Amino acid sequence: DSVKGRFTISRDNAKNTVYLQMNSLNSEDTAVYYCAANRDNNRFS
C-alpha cells in the first residue's frame, strides 16, 4: 500500500530480469532495496 500508484514491478523473462519503476519518490523511500525470488511462484511467501 505504501508504494501503490507510485511503484510498478515488471519482468522480462527473456533477460531473466525483474524491474522496479519508482516514481514520485520521497524521503520515506530511502532504503536499501533487495531483490528476492521464490522458486514455487508463491507470492504469499
PDB file of all heavy atoms in Angstrom:
ATOM      1  N   ASP A   1       0.822  -1.217   0.000  1.00  0.00           N
ATOM      2  CA  ASP A   1       0.000   0.000   0.000  1.00  0.00           C
ATOM      3  C   ASP A   1       0.852   1.263   0.000  1.00  0.00           C
ATOM      4  O   ASP A   1       0.479   2.273  -0.596  1.00  0.00           O
ATOM      5  CB  ASP A   1      -0.920   0.009   1.218  1.00  0.00           C
ATOM      6  CG  ASP A   1      -2.065  -0.984   1.080  1.00  0.00           C
ATOM      7  OD1 ASP A   1      -2.321  -1.462  -0.042  1.00  0.00           O
ATOM      8  OD2 ASP A   1      -2.699  -1.280   2.114  1.00  0.00           O
ATOM      9  N   SER A   2       1.995   1.209   0.652  1.00  0.00           N
ATOM     10  CA  SER A   2       2.851   2.395   0.779  1.00  0.00           C
ATOM     11  C   SER A   2       3.440   2.840  -0.553  1.00  0.00           C
ATOM     12  O   SER A   2       3.890   3.987  -0.674  1.00  0.00           O
ATOM     13  CB  SER A   2       3.979   2.123   1.772  1.00  0.00           C
ATOM     14  OG  SER A   2       4.760   1.015   1.349  1.00  0.00           O
ATOM     15  N   VAL A   3       3.444   1.964  -1.547  1.00  0.00           N
ATOM     16  CA  VAL A   3       4.035   2.321  -2.841  1.00  0.00           C
ATOM     17  C   VAL A   3       3.036   2.226  -3.984  1.00  0.00           C
ATOM     18  O   VAL A   3       3.371   2.579  -5.129  1.00  0.00           O
ATOM     19  CB  VAL A   3       5.263   1.446  -3.155  1.00  0.00           C
ATOM     20  CG1 VAL A   3       6.274   1.504  -2.020  1.00  0.00           C
ATOM     21  CG2 VAL A   3       4.861   0.002  -3.443  1.00  0.00           C
ATOM     22  N   LYS A   4       1.841   1.755  -3.695  1.00  0.00           N
ATOM     23  CA  LYS A   4       0.846   1.551  -4.752  1.00  0.00           C
ATOM     24  C   LYS A   4       0.556   2.869  -5.461  1.00  0.00           C
ATOM     25  O   LYS A   4       0.373   3.920  -4.830  1.00  0.00           O
ATOM     26  CB  LYS A   4      -0.422   0.978  -4.127  1.00  0.00           C
ATOM     27  CG  LYS A   4      -1.344   0.273  -5.109  1.00  0.00           C
ATOM     28  CD  LYS A   4      -2.437  -0.470  -4.372  1.00  0.00           C
ATOM     29  CE  LYS A   4      -1.901  -1.657  -3.602  1.00  0.00           C
ATOM     30  NZ  LYS A   4      -2.980  -2.444  -2.949  1.00  0.00           N
ATOM     31  N   GLY A   5       0.544   2.806  -6.776  1.00  0.00           N
ATOM     32  CA  GLY A   5       0.315   4.011  -7.574  1.00  0.00           C
ATOM     33  C   GLY A   5       1.576   4.780  -7.888  1.00  0.00           C
ATOM     34  O   GLY A   5       1.557   5.684  -8.745  1.00  0.00           O
ATOM     35  N   ARG A   6       2.683   4.461  -7.214  1.00  0.00           N
ATOM     36  CA  ARG A   6       3.960   5.147  -7.474  1.00  0.00           C
ATOM     37  C   ARG A   6       5.012   4.190  -8.016  1.00  0.00           C
ATOM     38  O   ARG A   6       5.830   4.578  -8.853  1.00  0.00           O
ATOM     39  CB  ARG A   6       4.490   5.786  -6.195  1.00  0.00           C
ATOM     40  CG  ARG A   6       3.563   6.813  -5.578  1.00  0.00           C
ATOM     41  CD  ARG A   6       4.242   7.532  -4.413  1.00  0.00           C
ATOM     42  NE  ARG A   6       4.616   6.621  -3.330  1.00  0.00           N
ATOM     43  CZ  ARG A   6       5.866   6.466  -2.887  1.00  0.00           C
ATOM     44  NH1 ARG A   6       6.860   7.168  -3.422  1.00  0.00           N
ATOM     45  NH2 ARG A   6       6.120   5.634  -1.887  1.00  0.00           N
ATOM     46  N   PHE A   7       5.011   2.958  -7.530  1.00  0.00           N
ATOM     47  CA  PHE A   7       5.988   1.950  -7.948  1.00  0.00           C
ATOM     48  C   PHE A   7       5.294   0.910  -8.807  1.00  0.00           C
ATOM     49  O   PHE A   7       4.127   0.567  -8.577  1.00  0.00           O
ATOM     50  CB  PHE A   7       6.606   1.242  -6.746  1.00  0.00           C
ATOM     51  CG  PHE A   7       7.496   2.090  -5.879  1.00  0.00           C
ATOM     52  CD1 PHE A   7       7.581   3.459  -6.019  1.00  0.00           C
ATOM     53  CD2 PHE A   7       8.270   1.479  -4.894  1.00  0.00           C
ATOM     54  CE1 PHE A   7       8.402   4.219  -5.206  1.00  0.00           C
ATOM     55  CE2 PHE A   7       9.102   2.222  -4.075  1.00  0.00           C
ATOM     56  CZ  PHE A   7       9.152   3.597  -4.233  1.00  0.00           C
ATOM     57  N   THR A   8       6.025   0.380  -9.770  1.00  0.00           N
ATOM     58  CA  THR A   8       5.488  -0.686 -10.623  1.00  0.00           C
ATOM     59  C   THR A   8       6.548  -1.758 -10.842  1.00  0.00           C
ATOM     60  O   THR A   8       7.670  -1.448 -11.272  1.00  0.00           O
ATOM     61  CB  THR A   8       5.049  -0.143 -11.983  1.00  0.00           C
ATOM     62  OG1 THR A   8       4.086   0.902 -11.801  1.00  0.00           O
ATOM     63  CG2 THR A   8       4.419  -1.245 -12.821  1.00  0.00           C
ATOM     64  N   ILE A   9       6.184  -2.986 -10.549  1.00  0.00           N
ATOM     65  CA  ILE A   9       7.082  -4.107 -10.799  1.00  0.00           C
ATOM     66  C   ILE A   9       6.781  -4.690 -12.180  1.00  0.00           C
ATOM     67  O   ILE A   9       5.617  -4.753 -12.599  1.00  0.00           O
ATOM     68  CB  ILE A   9       6.960  -5.190  -9.704  1.00  0.00           C
ATOM     69  CG1 ILE A   9       8.072  -6.232  -9.843  1.00  0.00           C
ATOM     70  CG2 ILE A   9       5.578  -5.839  -9.716  1.00  0.00           C
ATOM     71  CD1 ILE A   9       8.162  -7.180  -8.657  1.00  0.00           C
ATOM     72  N   SER A  10       7.823  -5.085 -12.869  1.00  0.00           N
ATOM     73  CA  SER A  10       7.668  -5.734 -14.169  1.00  0.00           C
ATOM     74  C   SER A  10       8.818  -6.711 -14.363  1.00  0.00           C
ATOM     75  O   SER A  10       9.779  -6.713 -13.583  1.00  0.00           O
ATOM     76  CB  SER A  10       7.637  -4.699 -15.303  1.00  0.00           C
ATOM     77  OG  SER A  10       8.861  -3.989 -15.365  1.00  0.00           O
ATOM     78  N   ARG A  11       8.713  -7.519 -15.399  1.00  0.00           N
ATOM     79  CA  ARG A  11       9.763  -8.508 -15.635  1.00  0.00           C
ATOM     80  C   ARG A  11       9.939  -8.759 -17.121  1.00  0.00           C
ATOM     81  O   ARG A  11       9.002  -8.588 -17.901  1.00  0.00           O
ATOM     82  CB  ARG A  11       9.445  -9.810 -14.899  1.00  0.00           C
ATOM     83  CG  ARG A  11       8.188 -10.497 -15.387  1.00  0.00           C
ATOM     84  CD  ARG A  11       7.710 -11.553 -14.389  1.00  0.00           C
ATOM     85  NE  ARG A  11       8.639 -12.658 -14.262  1.00  0.00           N
ATOM     86  CZ  ARG A  11       8.654 -13.504 -13.222  1.00  0.00           C
ATOM     87  NH1 ARG A  11       7.805 -13.334 -12.225  1.00  0.00           N
ATOM     88  NH2 ARG A  11       9.517 -14.513 -13.187  1.00  0.00           N
ATOM     89  N   ASP A  12      11.149  -9.170 -17.471  1.00  0.00           N
ATOM     90  CA  ASP A  12      11.457  -9.575 -18.832  1.00  0.00           C
ATOM     91  C   ASP A  12      12.072 -10.968 -18.731  1.00  0.00           C
ATOM     92  O   ASP A  12      13.253 -11.107 -18.387  1.00  0.00           O
ATOM     93  CB  ASP A  12      12.430  -8.581 -19.477  1.00  0.00           C
ATOM     94  CG  ASP A  12      12.701  -8.881 -20.937  1.00  0.00           C
ATOM     95  OD1 ASP A  12      12.530 -10.042 -21.352  1.00  0.00           O
ATOM     96  OD2 ASP A  12      13.101  -7.973 -21.668  1.00  0.00           O
ATOM     97  N   ASN A  13      11.289 -11.987 -19.002  1.00  0.00           N
ATOM     98  CA  ASN A  13      11.767 -13.349 -18.824  1.00  0.00           C
ATOM     99  C   ASN A  13      12.878 -13.706 -19.813  1.00  0.00           C
ATOM    100  O   ASN A  13      13.729 -14.548 -19.508  1.00  0.00           O
ATOM    101  CB  ASN A  13      10.614 -14.347 -18.959  1.00  0.00           C
ATOM    102  CG  ASN A  13       9.641 -14.258 -17.809  1.00  0.00           C
ATOM    103  OD1 ASN A  13      10.002 -13.849 -16.697  1.00  0.00           O
ATOM    104  ND2 ASN A  13       8.396 -14.633 -18.055  1.00  0.00           N
ATOM    105  N   ALA A  14      12.876 -13.080 -20.965  1.00  0.00           N
ATOM    106  CA  ALA A  14      13.936 -13.349 -21.944  1.00  0.00           C
ATOM    107  C   ALA A  14      15.293 -12.877 -21.427  1.00  0.00           C
ATOM    108  O   ALA A  14      16.330 -13.414 -21.824  1.00  0.00           O
ATOM    109  CB  ALA A  14      13.606 -12.679 -23.264  1.00  0.00           C
ATOM    110  N   LYS A  15      15.267 -11.889 -20.546  1.00  0.00           N
ATOM    111  CA  LYS A  15      16.501 -11.343 -19.990  1.00  0.00           C
ATOM    112  C   LYS A  15      16.737 -11.792 -18.557  1.00  0.00           C
ATOM    113  O   LYS A  15      17.695 -11.344 -17.914  1.00  0.00           O
ATOM    114  CB  LYS A  15      16.477  -9.814 -20.058  1.00  0.00           C
ATOM    115  CG  LYS A  15      16.442  -9.251 -21.472  1.00  0.00           C
ATOM    116  CD  LYS A  15      16.455  -7.734 -21.453  1.00  0.00           C
ATOM    117  CE  LYS A  15      16.473  -7.173 -22.870  1.00  0.00           C
ATOM    118  NZ  LYS A  15      16.465  -5.674 -22.876  1.00  0.00           N
ATOM    119  N   ASN A  16      15.835 -12.624 -18.035  1.00  0.00           N
ATOM    120  CA  ASN A  16      15.953 -13.046 -16.624  1.00  0.00           C
ATOM    121  C   ASN A  16      16.082 -11.849 -15.694  1.00  0.00           C
ATOM    122  O   ASN A  16      16.900 -11.838 -14.765  1.00  0.00           O
ATOM    123  CB  ASN A  16      17.157 -13.982 -16.418  1.00  0.00           C
ATOM    124  CG  ASN A  16      16.852 -15.415 -16.789  1.00  0.00           C
ATOM    125  OD1 ASN A  16      15.885 -15.684 -17.509  1.00  0.00           O
ATOM    126  ND2 ASN A  16      17.664 -16.345 -16.320  1.00  0.00           N
ATOM    127  N   THR A  17      15.269 -10.850 -15.936  1.00  0.00           N
ATOM    128  CA  THR A  17      15.393  -9.599 -15.194  1.00  0.00           C
ATOM    129  C   THR A  17      14.035  -9.130 -14.705  1.00  0.00           C
ATOM    130  O   THR A  17      13.036  -9.211 -15.431  1.00  0.00           O
ATOM    131  CB  THR A  17      16.044  -8.507 -16.060  1.00  0.00           C
ATOM    132  OG1 THR A  17      17.342  -8.948 -16.466  1.00  0.00           O
ATOM    133  CG2 THR A  17      16.187  -7.208 -15.288  1.00  0.00           C
ATOM    134  N   VAL A  18      14.019  -8.648 -13.476  1.00  0.00           N
ATOM    135  CA  VAL A  18      12.838  -8.020 -12.910  1.00  0.00           C
ATOM    136  C   VAL A  18      13.189  -6.566 -12.610  1.00  0.00           C
ATOM    137  O   VAL A  18      14.325  -6.249 -12.258  1.00  0.00           O
ATOM    138  CB  VAL A  18      12.342  -8.763 -11.647  1.00  0.00           C
ATOM    139  CG1 VAL A  18      13.387  -8.745 -10.534  1.00  0.00           C
ATOM    140  CG2 VAL A  18      11.012  -8.206 -11.169  1.00  0.00           C
ATOM    141  N   TYR A  19      12.207  -5.698 -12.776  1.00  0.00           N
ATOM    142  CA  TYR A  19      12.417  -4.262 -12.615  1.00  0.00           C
ATOM    143  C   TYR A  19      11.487  -3.704 -11.547  1.00  0.00           C
ATOM    144  O   TYR A  19      10.429  -4.256 -11.269  1.00  0.00           O
ATOM    145  CB  TYR A  19      12.131  -3.536 -13.940  1.00  0.00           C
ATOM    146  CG  TYR A  19      12.941  -4.037 -15.107  1.00  0.00           C
ATOM    147  CD1 TYR A  19      12.403  -4.952 -15.998  1.00  0.00           C
ATOM    148  CD2 TYR A  19      14.245  -3.584 -15.326  1.00  0.00           C
ATOM    149  CE1 TYR A  19      13.132  -5.428 -17.085  1.00  0.00           C
ATOM    150  CE2 TYR A  19      14.980  -4.048 -16.408  1.00  0.00           C
ATOM    151  CZ  TYR A  19      14.423  -4.973 -17.276  1.00  0.00           C
ATOM    152  OH  TYR A  19      15.148  -5.433 -18.339  1.00  0.00           O
ATOM    153  N   LEU A  20      11.895  -2.577 -11.002  1.00  0.00           N
ATOM    154  CA  LEU A  20      11.025  -1.807 -10.125  1.00  0.00           C
ATOM    155  C   LEU A  20      11.123  -0.354 -10.559  1.00  0.00           C
ATOM    156  O   LEU A  20      12.142   0.297 -10.344  1.00  0.00           O
ATOM    157  CB  LEU A  20      11.414  -1.959  -8.655  1.00  0.00           C
ATOM    158  CG  LEU A  20      10.455  -1.286  -7.674  1.00  0.00           C
ATOM    159  CD1 LEU A  20       9.111  -2.024  -7.666  1.00  0.00           C
ATOM    160  CD2 LEU A  20      11.048  -1.257  -6.266  1.00  0.00           C
ATOM    161  N   GLN A  21      10.067   0.115 -11.210  1.00  0.00           N
ATOM    162  CA  GLN A  21       9.996   1.519 -11.602  1.00  0.00           C
ATOM    163  C   GLN A  21       9.440   2.307 -10.431  1.00  0.00           C
ATOM    164  O   GLN A  21       8.338   2.016  -9.958  1.00  0.00           O
ATOM    165  CB  GLN A  21       9.092   1.684 -12.823  1.00  0.00           C
ATOM    166  CG  GLN A  21       8.928   3.127 -13.272  1.00  0.00           C
ATOM    167  CD  GLN A  21      10.225   3.741 -13.772  1.00  0.00           C
ATOM    168  OE1 GLN A  21      10.971   3.113 -14.518  1.00  0.00           O
ATOM    169  NE2 GLN A  21      10.488   4.978 -13.370  1.00  0.00           N
ATOM    170  N   MET A  22      10.200   3.286  -9.971  1.00  0.00           N
ATOM    171  CA  MET A  22       9.813   4.066  -8.794  1.00  0.00           C
ATOM    172  C   MET A  22       9.639   5.522  -9.199  1.00  0.00           C
ATOM    173  O   MET A  22      10.598   6.162  -9.655  1.00  0.00           O
ATOM    174  CB  MET A  22      10.879   3.942  -7.702  1.00  0.00           C
ATOM    175  CG  MET A  22      11.187   2.502  -7.329  1.00  0.00           C
ATOM    176  SD  MET A  22      12.325   2.367  -5.944  1.00  0.00           S
ATOM    177  CE  MET A  22      13.804   3.073  -6.640  1.00  0.00           C
ATOM    178  N   ASN A  23       8.437   6.021  -9.051  1.00  0.00           N
ATOM    179  CA  ASN A  23       8.122   7.409  -9.387  1.00  0.00           C
ATOM    180  C   ASN A  23       7.682   8.161  -8.132  1.00  0.00           C
ATOM    181  O   ASN A  23       7.334   7.561  -7.110  1.00  0.00           O
ATOM    182  CB  ASN A  23       7.011   7.455 -10.431  1.00  0.00           C
ATOM    183  CG  ASN A  23       7.397   6.772 -11.732  1.00  0.00           C
ATOM    184  OD1 ASN A  23       8.561   6.774 -12.142  1.00  0.00           O
ATOM    185  ND2 ASN A  23       6.423   6.186 -12.411  1.00  0.00           N
ATOM    186  N   SER A  24       7.670   9.458  -8.234  1.00  0.00           N
ATOM    187  CA  SER A  24       7.224  10.326  -7.120  1.00  0.00           C
ATOM    188  C   SER A  24       7.899   9.928  -5.811  1.00  0.00           C
ATOM    189  O   SER A  24       7.255   9.788  -4.774  1.00  0.00           O
ATOM    190  CB  SER A  24       5.696  10.250  -6.978  1.00  0.00           C
ATOM    191  OG  SER A  24       5.062  10.647  -8.169  1.00  0.00           O
ATOM    192  N   LEU A  25       9.193   9.781  -5.869  1.00  0.00           N
ATOM    193  CA  LEU A  25       9.935   9.340  -4.688  1.00  0.00           C
ATOM    194  C   LEU A  25       9.929  10.414  -3.607  1.00  0.00           C
ATOM    195  O   LEU A  25       9.941  11.620  -3.899  1.00  0.00           O
ATOM    196  CB  LEU A  25      11.357   8.990  -5.070  1.00  0.00           C
ATOM    197  CG  LEU A  25      11.499   7.667  -5.841  1.00  0.00           C
ATOM    198  CD1 LEU A  25      12.824   7.617  -6.606  1.00  0.00           C
ATOM    199  CD2 LEU A  25      11.397   6.484  -4.894  1.00  0.00           C
ATOM    200  N   ASN A  26       9.905   9.969  -2.364  1.00  0.00           N
ATOM    201  CA  ASN A  26      10.002  10.876  -1.228  1.00  0.00           C
ATOM    202  C   ASN A  26      11.007  10.323  -0.224  1.00  0.00           C
ATOM    203  O   ASN A  26      11.512   9.202  -0.383  1.00  0.00           O
ATOM    204  CB  ASN A  26       8.629  11.106  -0.596  1.00  0.00           C
ATOM    205  CG  ASN A  26       7.978   9.821  -0.129  1.00  0.00           C
ATOM    206  OD1 ASN A  26       8.517   9.129   0.739  1.00  0.00           O
ATOM    207  ND2 ASN A  26       6.808   9.491  -0.669  1.00  0.00           N
ATOM    208  N   SER A  27      11.278  11.091   0.795  1.00  0.00           N
ATOM    209  CA  SER A  27      12.336  10.723   1.741  1.00  0.00           C
ATOM    210  C   SER A  27      12.052   9.398   2.445  1.00  0.00           C
ATOM    211  O   SER A  27      12.985   8.697   2.859  1.00  0.00           O
ATOM    212  CB  SER A  27      12.531  11.833   2.770  1.00  0.00           C
ATOM    213  OG  SER A  27      11.316  12.078   3.456  1.00  0.00           O
ATOM    214  N   GLU A  28      10.795   9.047   2.568  1.00  0.00           N
ATOM    215  CA  GLU A  28      10.442   7.789   3.228  1.00  0.00           C
ATOM    216  C   GLU A  28      10.769   6.571   2.370  1.00  0.00           C
ATOM    217  O   GLU A  28      10.701   5.441   2.860  1.00  0.00           O
ATOM    218  CB  GLU A  28       8.961   7.777   3.600  1.00  0.00           C
ATOM    219  CG  GLU A  28       8.611   8.802   4.666  1.00  0.00           C
ATOM    220  CD  GLU A  28       7.156   8.729   5.080  1.00  0.00           C
ATOM    221  OE1 GLU A  28       6.379   8.007   4.422  1.00  0.00           O
ATOM    222  OE2 GLU A  28       6.799   9.380   6.073  1.00  0.00           O
ATOM    223  N   ASP A  29      11.109   6.805   1.124  1.00  0.00           N
ATOM    224  CA  ASP A  29      11.506   5.697   0.250  1.00  0.00           C
ATOM    225  C   ASP A  29      12.993   5.406   0.357  1.00  0.00           C
ATOM    226  O   ASP A  29      13.478   4.438  -0.247  1.00  0.00           O
ATOM    227  CB  ASP A  29      11.158   6.013  -1.205  1.00  0.00           C
ATOM    228  CG  ASP A  29       9.667   6.182  -1.433  1.00  0.00           C
ATOM    229  OD1 ASP A  29       8.892   5.356  -0.895  1.00  0.00           O
ATOM    230  OD2 ASP A  29       9.284   7.129  -2.140  1.00  0.00           O
ATOM    231  N   THR A  30      13.727   6.216   1.092  1.00  0.00           N
ATOM    232  CA  THR A  30      15.153   5.965   1.289  1.00  0.00           C
ATOM    233  C   THR A  30      15.359   4.655   2.027  1.00  0.00           C
ATOM    234  O   THR A  30      14.820   4.447   3.118  1.00  0.00           O
ATOM    235  CB  THR A  30      15.796   7.114   2.076  1.00  0.00           C
ATOM    236  OG1 THR A  30      15.747   8.304   1.287  1.00  0.00           O
ATOM    237  CG2 THR A  30      17.238   6.791   2.426  1.00  0.00           C
ATOM    238  N   ALA A  31      16.113   3.755   1.400  1.00  0.00           N
ATOM    239  CA  ALA A  31      16.307   2.424   1.972  1.00  0.00           C
ATOM    240  C   ALA A  31      17.280   1.646   1.088  1.00  0.00           C
ATOM    241  O   ALA A  31      17.610   2.077  -0.022  1.00  0.00           O
ATOM    242  CB  ALA A  31      14.977   1.668   2.048  1.00  0.00           C
ATOM    243  N   VAL A  32      17.702   0.516   1.615  1.00  0.00           N
ATOM    244  CA  VAL A  32      18.377  -0.467   0.771  1.00  0.00           C
ATOM    245  C   VAL A  32      17.285  -1.356   0.175  1.00  0.00           C
ATOM    246  O   VAL A  32      16.438  -1.880   0.913  1.00  0.00           O
ATOM    247  CB  VAL A  32      19.377  -1.313   1.571  1.00  0.00           C
ATOM    248  CG1 VAL A  32      20.009  -2.378   0.671  1.00  0.00           C
ATOM    249  CG2 VAL A  32      20.449  -0.428   2.190  1.00  0.00           C
ATOM    250  N   TYR A  33      17.305  -1.498  -1.122  1.00  0.00           N
ATOM    251  CA  TYR A  33      16.293  -2.287  -1.825  1.00  0.00           C
ATOM    252  C   TYR A  33      16.890  -3.638  -2.213  1.00  0.00           C
ATOM    253  O   TYR A  33      17.973  -3.696  -2.798  1.00  0.00           O
ATOM    254  CB  TYR A  33      15.808  -1.540  -3.060  1.00  0.00           C
ATOM    255  CG  TYR A  33      14.854  -0.433  -2.710  1.00  0.00           C
ATOM    256  CD1 TYR A  33      15.296   0.727  -2.095  1.00  0.00           C
ATOM    257  CD2 TYR A  33      13.485  -0.555  -2.978  1.00  0.00           C
ATOM    258  CE1 TYR A  33      14.422   1.742  -1.743  1.00  0.00           C
ATOM    259  CE2 TYR A  33      12.601   0.454  -2.644  1.00  0.00           C
ATOM    260  CZ  TYR A  33      13.075   1.596  -2.024  1.00  0.00           C
ATOM    261  OH  TYR A  33      12.201   2.597  -1.672  1.00  0.00           O
ATOM    262  N   TYR A  34      16.145  -4.684  -1.888  1.00  0.00           N
ATOM    263  CA  TYR A  34      16.602  -6.049  -2.120  1.00  0.00           C
ATOM    264  C   TYR A  34      15.692  -6.758  -3.123  1.00  0.00           C
ATOM    265  O   TYR A  34      14.461  -6.690  -3.006  1.00  0.00           O
ATOM    266  CB  TYR A  34      16.593  -6.856  -0.824  1.00  0.00           C
ATOM    267  CG  TYR A  34      17.539  -6.349   0.228  1.00  0.00           C
ATOM    268  CD1 TYR A  34      17.131  -5.410   1.168  1.00  0.00           C
ATOM    269  CD2 TYR A  34      18.849  -6.824   0.294  1.00  0.00           C
ATOM    270  CE1 TYR A  34      17.999  -4.946   2.143  1.00  0.00           C
ATOM    271  CE2 TYR A  34      19.726  -6.367   1.266  1.00  0.00           C
ATOM    272  CZ  TYR A  34      19.291  -5.427   2.182  1.00  0.00           C
ATOM    273  OH  TYR A  34      20.155  -4.965   3.147  1.00  0.00           O
ATOM    274  N   CYS A  35      16.297  -7.432  -4.033  1.00  0.00           N
ATOM    275  CA  CYS A  35      15.580  -8.321  -4.932  1.00  0.00           C
ATOM    276  C   CYS A  35      15.455  -9.684  -4.254  1.00  0.00           C
ATOM    277  O   CYS A  35      16.336 -10.089  -3.475  1.00  0.00           O
ATOM    278  CB  CYS A  35      16.368  -8.446  -6.230  1.00  0.00           C
ATOM    279  SG  CYS A  35      15.651  -9.518  -7.479  1.00  0.00           S
ATOM    280  N   ALA A  36      14.362 -10.386  -4.543  1.00  0.00           N
ATOM    281  CA  ALA A  36      14.135 -11.697  -3.939  1.00  0.00           C
ATOM    282  C   ALA A  36      13.403 -12.609  -4.911  1.00  0.00           C
ATOM    283  O   ALA A  36      12.717 -12.130  -5.818  1.00  0.00           O
ATOM    284  CB  ALA A  36      13.333 -11.557  -2.648  1.00  0.00           C
ATOM    285  N   ALA A  37      13.538 -13.894  -4.689  1.00  0.00           N
ATOM    286  CA  ALA A  37      12.897 -14.867  -5.575  1.00  0.00           C
ATOM    287  C   ALA A  37      12.319 -16.026  -4.781  1.00  0.00           C
ATOM    288  O   ALA A  37      12.896 -16.457  -3.770  1.00  0.00           O
ATOM    289  CB  ALA A  37      13.910 -15.406  -6.590  1.00  0.00           C
ATOM    290  N   ASN A  38      11.183 -16.515  -5.244  1.00  0.00           N
ATOM    291  CA  ASN A  38      10.573 -17.719  -4.679  1.00  0.00           C
ATOM    292  C   ASN A  38      10.418 -18.735  -5.798  1.00  0.00           C
ATOM    293  O   ASN A  38       9.746 -18.464  -6.792  1.00  0.00           O
ATOM    294  CB  ASN A  38       9.220 -17.391  -4.059  1.00  0.00           C
ATOM    295  CG  ASN A  38       8.519 -18.640  -3.564  1.00  0.00           C
ATOM    296  OD1 ASN A  38       7.845 -19.316  -4.326  1.00  0.00           O
ATOM    297  ND2 ASN A  38       8.702 -18.968  -2.299  1.00  0.00           N
ATOM    298  N   ARG A  39      11.012 -19.901  -5.629  1.00  0.00           N
ATOM    299  CA  ARG A  39      11.062 -20.886  -6.715  1.00  0.00           C
ATOM    300  C   ARG A  39       9.742 -21.594  -6.956  1.00  0.00           C
ATOM    301  O   ARG A  39       9.564 -22.247  -7.990  1.00  0.00           O
ATOM    302  CB  ARG A  39      12.155 -21.927  -6.441  1.00  0.00           C
ATOM    303  CG  ARG A  39      11.999 -22.668  -5.146  1.00  0.00           C
ATOM    304  CD  ARG A  39      13.107 -23.710  -4.979  1.00  0.00           C
ATOM    305  NE  ARG A  39      13.059 -24.338  -3.675  1.00  0.00           N
ATOM    306  CZ  ARG A  39      13.844 -23.989  -2.663  1.00  0.00           C
ATOM    307  NH1 ARG A  39      14.750 -23.050  -2.841  1.00  0.00           N
ATOM    308  NH2 ARG A  39      13.747 -24.593  -1.504  1.00  0.00           N
ATOM    309  N   ASP A  40       8.798 -21.471  -6.022  1.00  0.00           N
ATOM    310  CA  ASP A  40       7.490 -22.123  -6.170  1.00  0.00           C
ATOM    311  C   ASP A  40       6.400 -21.169  -6.653  1.00  0.00           C
ATOM    312  O   ASP A  40       5.215 -21.514  -6.602  1.00  0.00           O
ATOM    313  CB  ASP A  40       7.064 -22.739  -4.831  1.00  0.00           C
ATOM    314  CG  ASP A  40       8.026 -23.815  -4.364  1.00  0.00           C
ATOM    315  OD1 ASP A  40       8.489 -24.599  -5.217  1.00  0.00           O
ATOM    316  OD2 ASP A  40       8.313 -23.864  -3.153  1.00  0.00           O
ATOM    317  N   ASN A  41       6.798 -19.985  -7.109  1.00  0.00           N
ATOM    318  CA  ASN A  41       5.824 -18.994  -7.590  1.00  0.00           C
ATOM    319  C   ASN A  41       4.816 -18.638  -6.499  1.00  0.00           C
ATOM    320  O   ASN A  41       3.655 -18.345  -6.773  1.00  0.00           O
ATOM    321  CB  ASN A  41       5.089 -19.522  -8.831  1.00  0.00           C
ATOM    322  CG  ASN A  41       4.303 -18.441  -9.550  1.00  0.00           C
ATOM    323  OD1 ASN A  41       4.784 -17.324  -9.718  1.00  0.00           O
ATOM    324  ND2 ASN A  41       3.082 -18.761  -9.973  1.00  0.00           N
ATOM    325  N   ASN A  42       5.274 -18.661  -5.242  1.00  0.00           N
ATOM    326  CA  ASN A  42       4.366 -18.428  -4.117  1.00  0.00           C
ATOM    327  C   ASN A  42       4.443 -16.970  -3.698  1.00  0.00           C
ATOM    328  O   ASN A  42       5.352 -16.567  -2.961  1.00  0.00           O
ATOM    329  CB  ASN A  42       4.756 -19.344  -2.957  1.00  0.00           C
ATOM    330  CG  ASN A  42       3.753 -19.294  -1.828  1.00  0.00           C
ATOM    331  OD1 ASN A  42       3.040 -18.311  -1.652  1.00  0.00           O
ATOM    332  ND2 ASN A  42       3.714 -20.350  -1.046  1.00  0.00           N
ATOM    333  N   ARG A  43       3.477 -16.207  -4.153  1.00  0.00           N
ATOM    334  CA  ARG A  43       3.541 -14.772  -3.837  1.00  0.00           C
ATOM    335  C   ARG A  43       3.269 -14.514  -2.368  1.00  0.00           C
ATOM    336  O   ARG A  43       3.714 -13.499  -1.822  1.00  0.00           O
ATOM    337  CB  ARG A  43       2.585 -13.997  -4.730  1.00  0.00           C
ATOM    338  CG  ARG A  43       1.126 -13.974  -4.330  1.00  0.00           C
ATOM    339  CD  ARG A  43       0.361 -13.259  -5.403  1.00  0.00           C
ATOM    340  NE  ARG A  43      -0.890 -12.705  -4.963  1.00  0.00           N
ATOM    341  CZ  ARG A  43      -2.053 -13.312  -5.064  1.00  0.00           C
ATOM    342  NH1 ARG A  43      -2.104 -14.527  -5.533  1.00  0.00           N
ATOM    343  NH2 ARG A  43      -3.155 -12.688  -4.685  1.00  0.00           N
ATOM    344  N   PHE A  44       2.568 -15.403  -1.699  1.00  0.00           N
ATOM    345  CA  PHE A  44       2.273 -15.205  -0.278  1.00  0.00           C
ATOM    346  C   PHE A  44       3.541 -15.335   0.564  1.00  0.00           C
ATOM    347  O   PHE A  44       3.681 -14.659   1.588  1.00  0.00           O
ATOM    348  CB  PHE A  44       1.193 -16.172   0.177  1.00  0.00           C
ATOM    349  CG  PHE A  44      -0.095 -15.984  -0.568  1.00  0.00           C
ATOM    350  CD1 PHE A  44      -0.531 -16.928  -1.480  1.00  0.00           C
ATOM    351  CD2 PHE A  44      -0.851 -14.836  -0.384  1.00  0.00           C
ATOM    352  CE1 PHE A  44      -1.701 -16.749  -2.181  1.00  0.00           C
ATOM    353  CE2 PHE A  44      -2.028 -14.638  -1.093  1.00  0.00           C
ATOM    354  CZ  PHE A  44      -2.451 -15.606  -1.998  1.00  0.00           C
ATOM    355  N   SER A  45       4.446 -16.205   0.134  1.00  0.00           N
ATOM    356  CA  SER A  45       5.730 -16.279   0.824  1.00  0.00           C
ATOM    357  C   SER A  45       6.481 -14.967   0.690  1.00  0.00           C
ATOM    358  O   SER A  45       7.179 -14.530   1.611  1.00  0.00           O
ATOM    359  CB  SER A  45       6.576 -17.429   0.263  1.00  0.00           C
ATOM    360  OG  SER A  45       6.061 -18.676   0.657  1.00  0.00           O
TER     361      SER A  45
END
